[in-house]
C-alpha atoms as a PDB file:
ATOM      1  CA  MET A   1      -0.014  -0.025  -0.025  1.00  0.00           C
ATOM      2  CA  LYS A   2       1.323   3.440  -0.999  1.00  0.00           C
ATOM      3  CA  PRO A   3       2.100   5.977   1.813  1.00  0.00           C
ATOM      4  CA  LYS A   4      -0.721   8.517   2.140  1.00  0.00           C
ATOM      5  CA  VAL A   5       0.172  12.200   1.918  1.00  0.00           C
ATOM      6  CA  PHE A   6      -1.669  15.458   1.910  1.00  0.00           C
ATOM      7  CA  ILE A   7      -0.667  18.687   0.079  1.00  0.00           C
ATOM      8  CA  THR A   8      -2.027  21.870   1.580  1.00  0.00           C
ATOM      9  CA  ARG A   9      -2.139  24.042  -1.539  1.00  0.00           C
ATOM     10  CA  LYS A  10      -2.449  23.487  -5.248  1.00  0.00           C
ATOM     11  CA  ILE A  11       1.041  22.944  -6.725  1.00  0.00           C
ATOM     12  CA  PRO A  12       2.186  22.354 -10.338  1.00  0.00           C
ATOM     13  CA  GLN A  13       0.845  19.132 -11.828  1.00  0.00           C
ATOM     14  CA  GLU A  14       4.407  17.862 -12.687  1.00  0.00           C
ATOM     15  CA  ILE A  15       5.257  17.928  -8.955  1.00  0.00           C
ATOM     16  CA  VAL A  16       2.030  16.188  -8.021  1.00  0.00           C
ATOM     17  CA  GLU A  17       2.693  13.526 -10.575  1.00  0.00           C
ATOM     18  CA  LYS A  18       6.188  12.956  -9.114  1.00  0.00           C
ATOM     19  CA  ILE A  19       4.677  12.427  -5.629  1.00  0.00           C
ATOM     20  CA  GLU A  20       1.863  10.246  -7.098  1.00  0.00           C
ATOM     21  CA  ALA A  21       4.408   7.789  -8.489  1.00  0.00           C
ATOM     22  CA  VAL A  22       5.259   6.795  -4.891  1.00  0.00           C
ATOM     23  CA  CYS A  23       2.379   8.014  -2.710  1.00  0.00           C
ATOM     24  CA  SER A  24      -1.400   8.179  -2.528  1.00  0.00           C
ATOM     25  CA  VAL A  25      -2.015  11.881  -2.812  1.00  0.00           C
ATOM     26  CA  GLU A  26      -4.793  14.206  -1.760  1.00  0.00           C
ATOM     27  CA  MET A  27      -4.457  17.945  -2.293  1.00  0.00           C
ATOM     28  CA  TRP A  28      -6.320  21.110  -1.302  1.00  0.00           C
ATOM     29  CA  GLU A  29      -7.191  22.449  -4.700  1.00  0.00           C
ATOM     30  CA  GLN A  30      -7.221  26.122  -3.970  1.00  0.00           C
ATOM     31  CA  GLU A  31      -4.283  28.322  -5.088  1.00  0.00           C
ATOM     32  CA  GLU A  32      -5.171  31.614  -3.375  1.00  0.00           C
ATOM     33  CA  ILE A  33      -7.019  30.405  -0.314  1.00  0.00           C
ATOM     34  CA  PRO A  34      -5.140  28.567   2.515  1.00  0.00           C
ATOM     35  CA  ILE A  35      -6.702  25.356   3.779  1.00  0.00           C
ATOM     36  CA  PRO A  36      -9.002  26.105   6.802  1.00  0.00           C
ATOM     37  CA  ARG A  37      -7.523  24.920  10.068  1.00  0.00           C
ATOM     38  CA  GLU A  38     -10.480  22.621  10.902  1.00  0.00           C
ATOM     39  CA  ILE A  39     -10.120  20.832   7.592  1.00  0.00           C
ATOM     40  CA  LEU A  40      -6.380  20.250   8.058  1.00  0.00           C
ATOM     41  CA  LEU A  41      -6.981  18.947  11.562  1.00  0.00           C
ATOM     42  CA  THR A  42      -9.206  16.291   9.932  1.00  0.00           C
ATOM     43  CA  LYS A  43      -6.998  15.500   6.972  1.00  0.00           C
ATOM     44  CA  ILE A  44      -3.817  14.985   9.048  1.00  0.00           C
ATOM     45  CA  GLN A  45      -5.363  12.194  11.168  1.00  0.00           C
ATOM     46  CA  ASP A  46      -4.360   9.238   8.998  1.00  0.00           C
ATOM     47  CA  ILE A  47      -1.623  10.532   6.652  1.00  0.00           C
ATOM     48  CA  ASP A  48       2.070   9.534   6.580  1.00  0.00           C
ATOM     49  CA  GLY A  49       3.335  12.815   5.096  1.00  0.00           C
ATOM     50  CA  LEU A  50       2.366  16.442   4.888  1.00  0.00           C
ATOM     51  CA  PHE A  51       3.453  18.865   2.177  1.00  0.00           C
ATOM     52  CA  CYS A  52       2.756  22.389   3.579  1.00  0.00           C
ATOM     53  CA  LEU A  53       3.481  26.104   3.228  1.00  0.00           C
ATOM     54  CA  LEU A  54       4.321  28.862   5.717  1.00  0.00           C
ATOM     55  CA  THR A  55       0.579  29.556   5.875  1.00  0.00           C
ATOM     56  CA  GLU A  56      -0.034  26.401   7.914  1.00  0.00           C
ATOM     57  CA  THR A  57       0.710  26.385  11.619  1.00  0.00           C
ATOM     58  CA  ILE A  58       2.121  22.993  12.589  1.00  0.00           C
ATOM     59  CA  ASP A  59       1.776  22.936  16.333  1.00  0.00           C
ATOM     60  CA  GLU A  60       1.080  20.663  19.303  1.00  0.00           C
ATOM     61  CA  GLU A  61      -2.622  20.441  18.556  1.00  0.00           C
ATOM     62  CA  LEU A  62      -2.142  19.476  14.943  1.00  0.00           C
ATOM     63  CA  LEU A  63       0.625  16.990  15.598  1.00  0.00           C
ATOM     64  CA  SER A  64      -1.370  15.250  18.389  1.00  0.00           C
ATOM     65  CA  ASN A  65      -4.008  14.545  15.758  1.00  0.00           C
ATOM     66  CA  ALA A  66      -1.515  12.929  13.401  1.00  0.00           C
ATOM     67  CA  LYS A  67      -1.179   9.341  14.511  1.00  0.00           C
ATOM     68  CA  ASN A  68       0.741   8.067  11.490  1.00  0.00           C
ATOM     69  CA  LEU A  69       2.688  11.174  10.519  1.00  0.00           C
ATOM     70  CA  LYS A  70       6.345  10.586   9.611  1.00  0.00           C
ATOM     71  CA  VAL A  71       7.426  13.820   7.855  1.00  0.00           C
ATOM     72  CA  VAL A  72       6.310  17.393   7.381  1.00  0.00           C
ATOM     73  CA  SER A  73       7.843  18.899   4.237  1.00  0.00           C
ATOM     74  CA  ASN A  74       7.766  22.705   4.407  1.00  0.00           C
ATOM     75  CA  MET A  75       8.003  24.417   1.041  1.00  0.00           C
ATOM     76  CA  ALA A  76      10.080  27.240   2.445  1.00  0.00           C
ATOM     77  CA  VAL A  77      13.500  27.936   3.931  1.00  0.00           C
ATOM     78  CA  GLY A  78      12.073  29.336   7.146  1.00  0.00           C
ATOM     79  CA  TYR A  79      10.095  27.072   9.494  1.00  0.00           C
ATOM     80  CA  ASN A  80       8.800  29.463  12.196  1.00  0.00           C
ATOM     81  CA  ASN A  81       5.287  28.066  11.382  1.00  0.00           C
ATOM     82  CA  ILE A  82       6.363  24.709  12.876  1.00  0.00           C
ATOM     83  CA  ASP A  83       6.829  23.680  16.512  1.00  0.00           C
ATOM     84  CA  ILE A  84      10.063  21.808  16.008  1.00  0.00           C
ATOM     85  CA  GLU A  85      10.279  20.510  19.548  1.00  0.00           C
ATOM     86  CA  ALA A  86       6.744  19.078  19.491  1.00  0.00           C
ATOM     87  CA  ALA A  87       7.596  17.317  16.231  1.00  0.00           C
ATOM     88  CA  LYS A  88      10.832  15.848  17.658  1.00  0.00           C
ATOM     89  CA  GLN A  89       8.965  14.493  20.653  1.00  0.00           C
ATOM     90  CA  ARG A  90       6.676  12.552  18.272  1.00  0.00           C
ATOM     91  CA  GLY A  91       9.486  11.421  15.985  1.00  0.00           C
ATOM     92  CA  VAL A  92       8.182  13.550  13.121  1.00  0.00           C
ATOM     93  CA  ILE A  93      10.865  14.669  10.693  1.00  0.00           C
ATOM     94  CA  ILE A  94      10.680  18.293   9.630  1.00  0.00           C
ATOM     95  CA  THR A  95      12.253  19.414   6.300  1.00  0.00           C
ATOM     96  CA  ASN A  96      12.723  22.663   4.441  1.00  0.00           C
ATOM     97  CA  THR A  97      13.946  23.914   1.040  1.00  0.00           C
ATOM     98  CA  PRO A  98      17.219  25.887   1.521  1.00  0.00           C
ATOM     99  CA  GLY A  99      19.656  26.919  -1.128  1.00  0.00           C
ATOM    100  CA  VAL A 100      17.401  26.913  -4.202  1.00  0.00           C
ATOM    101  CA  LEU A 101      15.967  30.412  -3.529  1.00  0.00           C
ATOM    102  CA  THR A 102      19.151  32.203  -2.550  1.00  0.00           C
ATOM    103  CA  GLU A 103      19.851  34.135  -5.719  1.00  0.00           C
ATOM    104  CA  THR A 104      16.255  34.890  -6.464  1.00  0.00           C
ATOM    105  CA  THR A 105      15.650  36.370  -2.991  1.00  0.00           C
ATOM    106  CA  ALA A 106      18.889  38.339  -3.274  1.00  0.00           C
ATOM    107  CA  ASP A 107      17.658  39.795  -6.563  1.00  0.00           C
ATOM    108  CA  LEU A 108      14.367  40.845  -5.038  1.00  0.00           C
ATOM    109  CA  THR A 109      16.161  42.286  -2.018  1.00  0.00           C
ATOM    110  CA  PHE A 110      18.299  44.520  -4.204  1.00  0.00           C
ATOM    111  CA  ALA A 111      15.393  45.399  -6.471  1.00  0.00           C
ATOM    112  CA  LEU A 112      13.454  46.528  -3.331  1.00  0.00           C
ATOM    113  CA  LEU A 113      16.437  48.509  -2.189  1.00  0.00           C
ATOM    114  CA  MET A 114      16.687  50.325  -5.491  1.00  0.00           C
ATOM    115  CA  ALA A 115      12.949  50.961  -5.821  1.00  0.00           C
ATOM    116  CA  THR A 116      12.799  52.372  -2.350  1.00  0.00           C
ATOM    117  CA  SER A 117      15.925  54.557  -2.441  1.00  0.00           C
ATOM    118  CA  ARG A 118      15.062  56.052  -5.882  1.00  0.00           C
ATOM    119  CA  ARG A 119      11.287  56.368  -5.124  1.00  0.00           C
ATOM    120  CA  LEU A 120      10.240  54.395  -8.213  1.00  0.00           C
ATOM    121  CA  PHE A 121       6.731  53.582  -6.990  1.00  0.00           C
ATOM    122  CA  GLU A 122       6.134  57.210  -5.998  1.00  0.00           C
ATOM    123  CA  ALA A 123       7.421  58.354  -9.391  1.00  0.00           C
ATOM    124  CA  SER A 124       5.286  55.938 -11.298  1.00  0.00           C
ATOM    125  CA  SER A 125       2.134  57.060  -9.432  1.00  0.00           C
ATOM    126  CA  TYR A 126       3.154  60.682  -9.977  1.00  0.00           C
ATOM    127  CA  LEU A 127       3.187  60.124 -13.700  1.00  0.00           C
ATOM    128  CA  ARG A 128       0.024  57.924 -13.832  1.00  0.00           C
ATOM    129  CA  ASN A 129      -1.913  60.423 -11.750  1.00  0.00           C
ATOM    130  CA  GLY A 130      -1.194  63.256 -14.184  1.00  0.00           C
ATOM    131  CA  GLU A 131       0.977  65.212 -11.761  1.00  0.00           C
ATOM    132  CA  TRP A 132       4.060  65.403 -14.049  1.00  0.00           C
ATOM    133  CA  ARG A 133       3.773  68.817 -15.640  1.00  0.00           C
ATOM    134  CA  THR A 134       7.372  69.961 -15.780  1.00  0.00           C
ATOM    135  CA  TRP A 135      10.906  69.129 -14.695  1.00  0.00           C
ATOM    136  CA  SER A 136      12.308  70.714 -11.614  1.00  0.00           C
ATOM    137  CA  PRO A 137      15.755  70.346  -9.913  1.00  0.00           C
ATOM    138  CA  MET A 138      14.643  68.472  -6.749  1.00  0.00           C
ATOM    139  CA  GLN A 139      11.605  66.659  -8.088  1.00  0.00           C
ATOM    140  CA  LEU A 140      11.317  63.117  -6.702  1.00  0.00           C
ATOM    141  CA  THR A 141      14.950  63.007  -5.690  1.00  0.00           C
ATOM    142  CA  GLY A 142      16.194  59.922  -3.801  1.00  0.00           C
ATOM    143  CA  GLN A 143      19.303  58.436  -2.351  1.00  0.00           C
ATOM    144  CA  ASP A 144      22.372  57.254  -4.276  1.00  0.00           C
ATOM    145  CA  ILE A 145      23.306  53.583  -4.169  1.00  0.00           C
ATOM    146  CA  PHE A 146      26.691  53.706  -5.878  1.00  0.00           C
ATOM    147  CA  GLU A 147      29.509  53.885  -3.365  1.00  0.00           C
ATOM    148  CA  ALA A 148      27.086  54.054  -0.441  1.00  0.00           C
ATOM    149  CA  THR A 149      27.463  51.887   2.661  1.00  0.00           C
ATOM    150  CA  ILE A 150      25.205  48.854   3.086  1.00  0.00           C
ATOM    151  CA  GLY A 151      24.832  47.015   6.399  1.00  0.00           C
ATOM    152  CA  ILE A 152      23.613  43.465   6.158  1.00  0.00           C
ATOM    153  CA  VAL A 153      22.067  41.940   9.265  1.00  0.00           C
ATOM    154  CA  GLY A 154      22.402  38.162   8.840  1.00  0.00           C
ATOM    155  CA  MET A 155      25.189  36.876   6.671  1.00  0.00           C
ATOM    156  CA  GLY A 156      23.801  33.575   5.517  1.00  0.00           C
ATOM    157  CA  ARG A 157      23.551  32.436   1.921  1.00  0.00           C
ATOM    158  CA  ILE A 158      21.176  35.258   0.951  1.00  0.00           C
ATOM    159  CA  GLY A 159      23.237  37.849   2.870  1.00  0.00           C
ATOM    160  CA  GLU A 160      26.356  36.666   0.918  1.00  0.00           C
ATOM    161  CA  ALA A 161      24.466  36.944  -2.306  1.00  0.00           C
ATOM    162  CA  VAL A 162      23.303  40.460  -1.558  1.00  0.00           C
ATOM    163  CA  ALA A 163      26.838  41.446  -0.558  1.00  0.00           C
ATOM    164  CA  ARG A 164      28.143  40.308  -3.972  1.00  0.00           C
ATOM    165  CA  ARG A 165      25.527  42.440  -5.715  1.00  0.00           C
ATOM    166  CA  ALA A 166      26.416  45.420  -3.549  1.00  0.00           C
ATOM    167  CA  LYS A 167      30.093  45.050  -4.529  1.00  0.00           C
ATOM    168  CA  GLY A 168      28.941  45.567  -8.149  1.00  0.00           C
ATOM    169  CA  PHE A 169      27.813  49.066  -7.090  1.00  0.00           C
ATOM    170  CA  ASP A 170      31.137  49.717  -5.361  1.00  0.00           C
ATOM    171  CA  MET A 171      29.332  49.777  -2.028  1.00  0.00           C
ATOM    172  CA  LYS A 172      31.128  49.414   1.274  1.00  0.00           C
ATOM    173  CA  VAL A 173      29.623  46.325   2.900  1.00  0.00           C
ATOM    174  CA  LEU A 174      29.279  45.983   6.670  1.00  0.00           C
ATOM    175  CA  TYR A 175      27.661  42.962   8.285  1.00  0.00           C
ATOM    176  CA  HIS A 176      26.500  41.712  11.608  1.00  0.00           C
ATOM    177  CA  ASN A 177      25.950  38.021  12.263  1.00  0.00           C
ATOM    178  CA  ARG A 178      25.621  35.642  15.159  1.00  0.00           C
ATOM    179  CA  ASN A 179      29.077  34.325  14.237  1.00  0.00           C
ATOM    180  CA  GLN A 180      31.817  36.281  12.472  1.00  0.00           C
ATOM    181  CA  LYS A 181      32.718  34.805   9.044  1.00  0.00           C
ATOM    182  CA  PRO A 182      36.389  35.451   8.167  1.00  0.00           C
ATOM    183  CA  GLU A 183      36.168  33.300   5.017  1.00  0.00           C
ATOM    184  CA  VAL A 184      33.349  35.495   3.704  1.00  0.00           C
ATOM    185  CA  GLU A 185      35.291  38.626   4.657  1.00  0.00           C
ATOM    186  CA  ASP A 186      38.222  37.391   2.538  1.00  0.00           C
ATOM    187  CA  MET A 187      36.144  36.158  -0.336  1.00  0.00           C
ATOM    188  CA  ILE A 188      33.760  39.052  -0.840  1.00  0.00           C
ATOM    189  CA  GLY A 189      35.428  41.908   1.034  1.00  0.00           C
ATOM    190  CA  VAL A 190      32.981  42.616   3.815  1.00  0.00           C
ATOM    191  CA  GLU A 191      33.558  43.954   7.293  1.00  0.00           C
ATOM    192  CA  TYR A 192      32.122  42.592  10.504  1.00  0.00           C
ATOM    193  CA  VAL A 193      30.816  45.155  13.032  1.00  0.00           C
ATOM    194  CA  GLU A 194      28.535  45.116  16.071  1.00  0.00           C
ATOM    195  CA  LEU A 195      24.886  45.845  15.304  1.00  0.00           C
ATOM    196  CA  ASP A 196      24.800  49.360  16.807  1.00  0.00           C
ATOM    197  CA  GLN A 197      27.830  50.360  14.732  1.00  0.00           C
ATOM    198  CA  LEU A 198      26.270  48.928  11.581  1.00  0.00           C
ATOM    199  CA  LEU A 199      23.112  50.929  12.153  1.00  0.00           C
ATOM    200  CA  GLN A 200      25.024  54.136  12.781  1.00  0.00           C
ATOM    201  CA  GLN A 201      27.262  53.888   9.671  1.00  0.00           C
ATOM    202  CA  SER A 202      25.013  52.376   7.062  1.00  0.00           C
ATOM    203  CA  ASP A 203      23.109  54.171   4.286  1.00  0.00           C
ATOM    204  CA  PHE A 204      21.137  50.979   3.712  1.00  0.00           C
ATOM    205  CA  VAL A 205      20.258  48.435   6.394  1.00  0.00           C
ATOM    206  CA  VAL A 206      19.122  45.090   4.997  1.00  0.00           C
ATOM    207  CA  ILE A 207      17.505  42.549   7.327  1.00  0.00           C
ATOM    208  CA  LEU A 208      18.255  38.978   6.360  1.00  0.00           C
ATOM    209  CA  THR A 209      18.596  37.184   9.660  1.00  0.00           C
ATOM    210  CA  PRO A 210      16.514  34.137  10.408  1.00  0.00           C
ATOM    211  CA  TYR A 211      13.399  34.520  12.581  1.00  0.00           C
ATOM    212  CA  SER A 212      13.813  33.136  16.057  1.00  0.00           C
ATOM    213  CA  LYS A 213      13.098  34.053  19.698  1.00  0.00           C
ATOM    214  CA  GLU A 214      16.368  35.927  19.740  1.00  0.00           C
ATOM    215  CA  THR A 215      15.502  38.045  16.744  1.00  0.00           C
ATOM    216  CA  VAL A 216      11.971  39.089  17.590  1.00  0.00           C
ATOM    217  CA  ASP A 217      11.927  42.902  17.595  1.00  0.00           C
ATOM    218  CA  LEU A 218      15.672  42.950  16.846  1.00  0.00           C
ATOM    219  CA  ILE A 219      15.093  46.280  15.185  1.00  0.00           C
ATOM    220  CA  SER A 220      12.910  48.447  17.340  1.00  0.00           C
ATOM    221  CA  GLU A 221      12.748  52.053  18.587  1.00  0.00           C
ATOM    222  CA  ARG A 222      16.262  52.000  20.097  1.00  0.00           C
ATOM    223  CA  GLU A 223      17.878  50.502  17.027  1.00  0.00           C
ATOM    224  CA  LEU A 224      16.054  52.761  14.582  1.00  0.00           C
ATOM    225  CA  SER A 225      17.227  55.795  16.586  1.00  0.00           C
ATOM    226  CA  PHE A 226      20.834  54.961  15.634  1.00  0.00           C
ATOM    227  CA  MET A 227      20.130  55.121  11.897  1.00  0.00           C
ATOM    228  CA  LYS A 228      20.887  58.124   9.697  1.00  0.00           C
ATOM    229  CA  PRO A 229      17.924  60.362   8.698  1.00  0.00           C
ATOM    230  CA  THR A 230      18.856  59.570   5.134  1.00  0.00           C
ATOM    231  CA  ALA A 231      19.024  55.788   5.688  1.00  0.00           C
ATOM    232  CA  VAL A 232      16.806  53.137   4.058  1.00  0.00           C
ATOM    233  CA  LEU A 233      15.720  49.952   5.806  1.00  0.00           C
ATOM    234  CA  ILE A 234      14.897  46.823   3.806  1.00  0.00           C
ATOM    235  CA  ASN A 235      13.333  43.658   5.310  1.00  0.00           C
ATOM    236  CA  THR A 236      13.084  40.541   3.150  1.00  0.00           C
ATOM    237  CA  ALA A 237      13.658  38.122   6.027  1.00  0.00           C
ATOM    238  CA  ARG A 238      10.578  37.697   8.255  1.00  0.00           C
ATOM    239  CA  GLY A 239       7.972  39.931   9.840  1.00  0.00           C
ATOM    240  CA  GLY A 240       8.431  40.395  13.530  1.00  0.00           C
ATOM    241  CA  ILE A 241      12.186  40.938  13.307  1.00  0.00           C
ATOM    242  CA  VAL A 242      11.482  44.667  12.739  1.00  0.00           C
ATOM    243  CA  ASN A 243       8.979  46.132  15.230  1.00  0.00           C
ATOM    244  CA  GLU A 244       6.317  47.547  12.894  1.00  0.00           C
ATOM    245  CA  GLU A 245       5.019  50.229  15.232  1.00  0.00           C
ATOM    246  CA  ALA A 246       8.482  51.541  15.929  1.00  0.00           C
ATOM    247  CA  LEU A 247       9.249  51.532  12.167  1.00  0.00           C
ATOM    248  CA  TYR A 248       6.078  53.393  11.349  1.00  0.00           C
ATOM    249  CA  ASN A 249       6.969  56.075  13.934  1.00  0.00           C
ATOM    250  CA  ALA A 250      10.476  56.468  12.636  1.00  0.00           C
ATOM    251  CA  LEU A 251       9.304  56.832   9.011  1.00  0.00           C
ATOM    252  CA  ARG A 252       6.408  59.174   9.876  1.00  0.00           C
ATOM    253  CA  ASP A 253       8.659  61.414  11.902  1.00  0.00           C
ATOM    254  CA  LYS A 254      11.391  61.383   9.235  1.00  0.00           C
ATOM    255  CA  LYS A 255      13.975  59.738  11.559  1.00  0.00           C
ATOM    256  CA  ILE A 256      14.837  57.483   8.642  1.00  0.00           C
ATOM    257  CA  TRP A 257      14.414  58.140   4.984  1.00  0.00           C
ATOM    258  CA  ALA A 258      12.399  55.173   3.734  1.00  0.00           C
ATOM    259  CA  ALA A 259      11.687  51.416   4.047  1.00  0.00           C
ATOM    260  CA  GLY A 260      11.111  48.539   1.729  1.00  0.00           C
ATOM    261  CA  ILE A 261       9.084  45.665   3.222  1.00  0.00           C
ATOM    262  CA  ASP A 262       8.374  42.274   1.734  1.00  0.00           C
ATOM    263  CA  VAL A 263       7.349  40.584   5.008  1.00  0.00           C
ATOM    264  CA  PHE A 264       4.942  41.380   7.810  1.00  0.00           C
ATOM    265  CA  GLU A 265       4.267  40.134  11.291  1.00  0.00           C
ATOM    266  CA  THR A 266       0.771  39.109  10.230  1.00  0.00           C
ATOM    267  CA  GLU A 267       0.311  37.969   6.661  1.00  0.00           C
ATOM    268  CA  PRO A 268      -1.543  38.806   4.472  1.00  0.00           C
ATOM    269  CA  VAL A 269      -1.245  42.318   5.819  1.00  0.00           C
ATOM    270  CA  GLN A 270      -4.498  44.263   6.386  1.00  0.00           C
ATOM    271  CA  LEU A 271      -5.079  47.221   4.069  1.00  0.00           C
ATOM    272  CA  ASP A 272      -5.484  49.591   7.043  1.00  0.00           C
ATOM    273  CA  HIS A 273      -1.956  48.746   8.330  1.00  0.00           C
ATOM    274  CA  PRO A 274      -0.294  52.031   9.297  1.00  0.00           C
ATOM    275  CA  LEU A 275       2.846  51.279   7.174  1.00  0.00           C
ATOM    276  CA  LEU A 276       0.643  51.172   3.992  1.00  0.00           C
ATOM    277  CA  THR A 277      -0.388  54.775   4.585  1.00  0.00           C
ATOM    278  CA  LEU A 278       3.118  56.243   4.237  1.00  0.00           C
ATOM    279  CA  PRO A 279       4.515  57.453   0.874  1.00  0.00           C
ATOM    280  CA  ASN A 280       8.080  56.588   1.860  1.00  0.00           C
ATOM    281  CA  VAL A 281       7.417  52.841   2.175  1.00  0.00           C
ATOM    282  CA  VAL A 282       7.487  50.284  -0.647  1.00  0.00           C
ATOM    283  CA  VAL A 283       5.486  47.214   0.374  1.00  0.00           C
ATOM    284  CA  LEU A 284       5.341  43.766  -1.356  1.00  0.00           C
ATOM    285  CA  PRO A 285       3.281  40.662  -0.664  1.00  0.00           C
ATOM    286  CA  HIS A 286       6.136  38.292   0.474  1.00  0.00           C
ATOM    287  CA  ILE A 287       7.458  37.600  -3.042  1.00  0.00           C
ATOM    288  CA  GLY A 288      11.187  37.148  -2.204  1.00  0.00           C
ATOM    289  CA  SER A 289      11.418  33.836  -3.956  1.00  0.00           C
ATOM    290  CA  ALA A 290       8.695  34.395  -6.522  1.00  0.00           C
ATOM    291  CA  SER A 291      10.319  33.485  -9.814  1.00  0.00           C
ATOM    292  CA  ILE A 292       8.883  30.648 -11.853  1.00  0.00           C
ATOM    293  CA  LYS A 293      12.143  28.772 -11.931  1.00  0.00           C
ATOM    294  CA  THR A 294      12.767  29.056  -8.190  1.00  0.00           C
ATOM    295  CA  ARG A 295       9.312  28.122  -7.085  1.00  0.00           C
ATOM    296  CA  LEU A 296       9.360  25.013  -9.228  1.00  0.00           C
ATOM    297  CA  LYS A 297      12.714  24.081  -7.707  1.00  0.00           C
ATOM    298  CA  MET A 298      11.322  24.649  -4.212  1.00  0.00           C
ATOM    299  CA  ALA A 299       8.288  22.440  -4.937  1.00  0.00           C
ATOM    300  CA  GLU A 300      10.491  19.726  -6.410  1.00  0.00           C
ATOM    301  CA  LEU A 301      12.804  19.748  -3.389  1.00  0.00           C
ATOM    302  CA  ALA A 302       9.877  19.695  -0.979  1.00  0.00           C
ATOM    303  CA  ALA A 303       8.484  16.727  -2.934  1.00  0.00           C
ATOM    304  CA  ASP A 304      11.825  14.899  -2.711  1.00  0.00           C
ATOM    305  CA  ASN A 305      11.948  15.536   1.031  1.00  0.00           C
ATOM    306  CA  LEU A 306       8.380  14.248   1.408  1.00  0.00           C
ATOM    307  CA  ILE A 307       8.986  11.092  -0.647  1.00  0.00           C
ATOM    308  CA  LYS A 308      12.112  10.167   1.276  1.00  0.00           C
ATOM    309  CA  GLY A 309      10.442  10.800   4.623  1.00  0.00           C
ATOM    310  CA  VAL A 310       7.440   8.551   3.982  1.00  0.00           C
ATOM    311  CA  THR A 311       9.622   5.742   2.488  1.00  0.00           C
ATOM    312  CA  ASN A 312      11.861   5.605   5.585  1.00  0.00           C
ATOM    313  CA  GLN A 313      14.790   7.254   3.871  1.00  0.00           C
ATOM    314  CA  THR A 314      16.648  10.293   5.264  1.00  0.00           C
ATOM    315  CA  PRO A 315      15.597  13.517   3.470  1.00  0.00           C
ATOM    316  CA  ASP A 316      18.336  15.788   2.206  1.00  0.00           C
ATOM    317  CA  HIS A 317      17.229  18.779   4.268  1.00  0.00           C
ATOM    318  CA  VAL A 318      16.144  17.931   7.773  1.00  0.00           C
ATOM    319  CA  VAL A 319      15.585  20.730  10.263  1.00  0.00           C
ATOM    320  CA  GLU A 320      17.531  19.839  13.452  1.00  0.00           C
END
């Protein structure tokens, strides 16, 4: 009898067929609507494997309902939606999809930095709204990127990829990380500094650290007060690392220049969120890895992890 698996969102048919070759598959057929919690609680009761997204909370309640569950394959690098300890206690393997989205997320991070610093969304709206009537010397002026200083908080794979892109703009690259990385310093030409120093010196502060108990509100009122009034903050890591109320206040009061945000503490973000009311904020709907090629790679890797987990093999990417 084939292992039974459940997929919590509609994924490309070629990936479904790959899983179906080994498993008995049931899938939530909606693309835009997450599976309701009460349905997932029912579906998980007799499955061997779960293919899920960040939109699903895999916690004690859910796991206690899963009598046969061997593996949860999370189609994401992050896994803050999963209670890892509760899974370990039940012998459930948790996997993720690292590596495949590094360059795509770095591209988006730098695109957001450029769009924010040069006010591209404001300028596009200015034109489309019929406000462009003449040229004037200081009209829609932004901040230069070339030869500026960028501070990267979190020098993992994506941080390194952003640093390489920054070097193409002759930027000075500072970084702060849980552990100093001399090999990256030598290879890319970056400089390790303490967080406060990074905030004080950087023209662009880019948040790329993983979400954890230690990084919740890592950037709040105190940290934002260290930044230059001309500085731009970019967050493509996770919501909750930057305190959203403190960021709103700093932007509203012109204590920092602008912010580019791809992630929010609560997603999808509500349209009445204060940050969405500010002209000096560029907001995106968590699309850091959203290229066709990368999302297909993520789904394929998640499928491989799932198949190995339900067939008593060791998946390639187990979250420890």
